[in-house]
Structures are given as structure tokens and as C-alpha cells.
Amino acid sequence: MTTAVQLITREPRIPRSLWLSLREHGPDGRDIVSRVLTLNLSRSGMLVEIPPALEVVQGEEIDVTIFAADLTVETRATIMRFESPIEGDPFRQAMGLRLDAPLPDDLVEGTP
């Protein structure tokens, strides 16, 4: 018996430092963070290095606003993973987000 294996290819990730606003989803959502963050992004997701000691939960939905040059992007995202510490540094943590809407070409391909 042979088994078929399907390979999943990941979109290329682009390194950026952008101003992000992350909030709990909903009208009374609290701020998670609003500042310039280092991230890797693709059309459908991002890996964001966030300040230590934030309380976020894998599977939680959040509202994301990205401010770049002449472009503002708002979308909802799901926290897919949360890592703390990263690369053995207790003062660094990261979360992976899956975005509900794809990012525009100008943000992914340009250098805002």
C-alpha cells in the first residue's frame, strides 16, 4: 500500500518593522500592544515579536491595524501560536497570526 504525501508550501515571509495596533476583538477590546514591532509577514499572516508579559491566548481572535507610509490596513486575526521565550531570551516573545483578509500588494511587496 502506498500513501500519498501532500506538501504544504508556506508563502515567503518579508521582514519589516511597522507600527501595529493589536486589540482584543470586540467593541470593548483592550489594547494588547500599540507600537513599532519587528515582524515577518506574508499575504495571509505574520510572526510578531511582542513585549514580554502580555496576556494572549492561542486561538484568541484579535483586531489588527497596520500603519505604513500612506497605507492603513485593518483586519481580524487568530493567534495561531505563542512562544515565550524565543531563541532562549527571556525578554523576547512572539506570536504567529493568521489574518482573515490578505494583505495588500503594496504592503507585502513594497518597502513602506
Protein backbone atom coordinates (compact mmCIF):
# COMPACT_ATOMS: atom_id res chain seq x y z
CA MET A 1 0.00 0.00 0.00
CA THR A 2 1.32 3.46 -0.89
CA THR A 3 0.48 6.63 0.95
CA ALA A 4 0.27 9.99 -0.80
CA VAL A 5 2.00 12.85 0.97
CA GLN A 6 0.85 16.39 0.36
CA LEU A 7 3.48 19.06 0.94
CA ILE A 8 2.29 22.38 2.24
CA THR A 9 4.27 25.32 0.94
CA ARG A 10 4.44 28.46 3.00
CA GLU A 11 4.31 31.89 1.42
CA PRO A 12 7.60 33.78 1.58
CA ARG A 13 7.89 35.92 4.70
CA ILE A 14 9.07 39.51 4.37
CA PRO A 15 10.91 41.15 7.32
CA ARG A 16 9.52 44.55 8.37
CA SER A 17 9.38 46.96 11.28
CA LEU A 18 5.91 48.54 11.26
CA TRP A 19 3.60 50.37 13.62
CA LEU A 20 0.94 47.87 14.73
CA SER A 21 -2.06 48.15 16.95
CA LEU A 22 -3.27 44.83 18.36
CA ARG A 23 -6.55 44.77 20.32
CA GLU A 24 -8.84 42.13 21.73
CA HIS A 25 -11.67 41.58 19.27
CA GLY A 26 -14.94 43.33 20.10
CA PRO A 27 -16.26 46.78 20.96
CA ASP A 28 -14.75 46.76 24.47
CA GLY A 29 -11.48 45.08 23.45
CA ARG A 30 -8.44 46.10 25.45
CA ASP A 31 -5.18 47.14 23.85
CA ILE A 32 -2.69 44.32 23.63
CA VAL A 33 0.07 46.50 22.18
CA SER A 34 0.44 49.62 20.02
CA ARG A 35 3.98 50.34 18.88
CA VAL A 36 6.57 49.66 16.23
CA LEU A 37 7.15 45.92 16.15
CA THR A 38 9.56 43.72 14.28
CA LEU A 39 7.74 41.14 12.23
CA ASN A 40 7.81 38.79 9.31
CA LEU A 41 4.73 39.00 7.14
CA SER A 42 3.16 37.25 4.21
CA ARG A 43 -0.14 37.85 2.44
CA SER A 44 -2.06 35.74 4.95
CA GLY A 45 -0.17 36.01 8.22
CA MET A 46 2.57 37.45 10.34
CA LEU A 47 5.00 36.49 13.05
CA VAL A 48 5.29 39.39 15.50
CA GLU A 49 7.84 39.94 18.25
CA ILE A 50 5.87 41.43 21.14
CA PRO A 51 6.78 42.91 24.52
CA PRO A 52 7.19 40.44 27.40
CA ALA A 53 4.40 39.67 29.86
CA LEU A 54 1.48 40.18 27.51
CA GLU A 55 -1.53 38.03 28.23
CA VAL A 56 -2.63 36.43 24.98
CA VAL A 57 -4.08 33.00 24.30
CA GLN A 58 -3.61 30.71 21.32
CA GLY A 59 -6.88 30.61 19.35
CA GLU A 60 -7.93 34.10 20.50
CA GLU A 61 -9.23 36.48 17.83
CA ILE A 62 -7.76 39.97 17.80
CA ASP A 63 -8.14 43.12 15.73
CA VAL A 64 -5.00 44.19 13.87
CA THR A 65 -4.28 47.64 12.44
CA ILE A 66 -1.09 48.19 10.45
CA PHE A 67 0.15 51.72 9.76
CA ALA A 68 2.70 52.01 6.94
CA ALA A 69 3.61 55.11 4.91
CA ASP A 70 0.36 56.16 3.17
CA LEU A 71 -1.42 52.90 3.95
CA THR A 72 -3.55 51.74 6.88
CA VAL A 73 -4.77 48.14 6.95
CA GLU A 74 -7.37 46.82 9.40
CA THR A 75 -8.25 43.14 9.70
CA ARG A 76 -9.09 40.46 12.23
CA ALA A 77 -6.58 37.73 13.04
CA THR A 78 -6.39 34.50 15.01
CA ILE A 79 -3.42 33.82 17.29
CA MET A 80 -2.06 30.54 15.95
CA ARG A 81 0.94 30.21 18.23
CA PHE A 82 2.62 31.97 21.10
CA GLU A 83 6.27 31.49 22.03
CA SER A 84 7.96 32.73 25.17
CA PRO A 85 10.87 32.94 25.42
CA ILE A 86 12.15 32.93 21.86
CA GLU A 87 15.70 31.98 20.97
CA GLY A 88 16.39 31.42 24.69
CA ASP A 89 15.97 35.11 25.56
CA PRO A 90 13.50 35.54 28.47
CA PHE A 91 12.84 39.15 27.43
CA ARG A 92 11.56 38.20 23.96
CA GLN A 93 8.30 36.57 22.95
CA ALA A 94 6.49 36.16 19.65
CA MET A 95 3.07 35.26 18.32
CA GLY A 96 2.03 33.92 14.95
CA LEU A 97 -1.15 35.38 13.47
CA ARG A 98 -3.38 34.09 10.67
CA LEU A 99 -5.13 37.06 9.06
CA ASP A 100 -8.78 36.95 7.99
CA ALA A 101 -8.10 39.13 4.93
CA PRO A 102 -5.00 39.05 2.73
CA LEU A 103 -2.61 41.98 2.99
CA PRO A 104 -2.42 44.35 0.01
CA ASP A 105 0.40 44.00 -2.52
CA ASP A 106 1.81 47.43 -1.58
CA LEU A 107 2.49 46.25 1.96
CA VAL A 108 3.88 42.82 1.11
CA GLU A 109 5.90 43.67 -1.98
CA GLY A 110 6.80 47.30 -1.30
CA THR A 111 9.02 48.80 1.35
CA PRO A 112 6.68 51.03 3.35
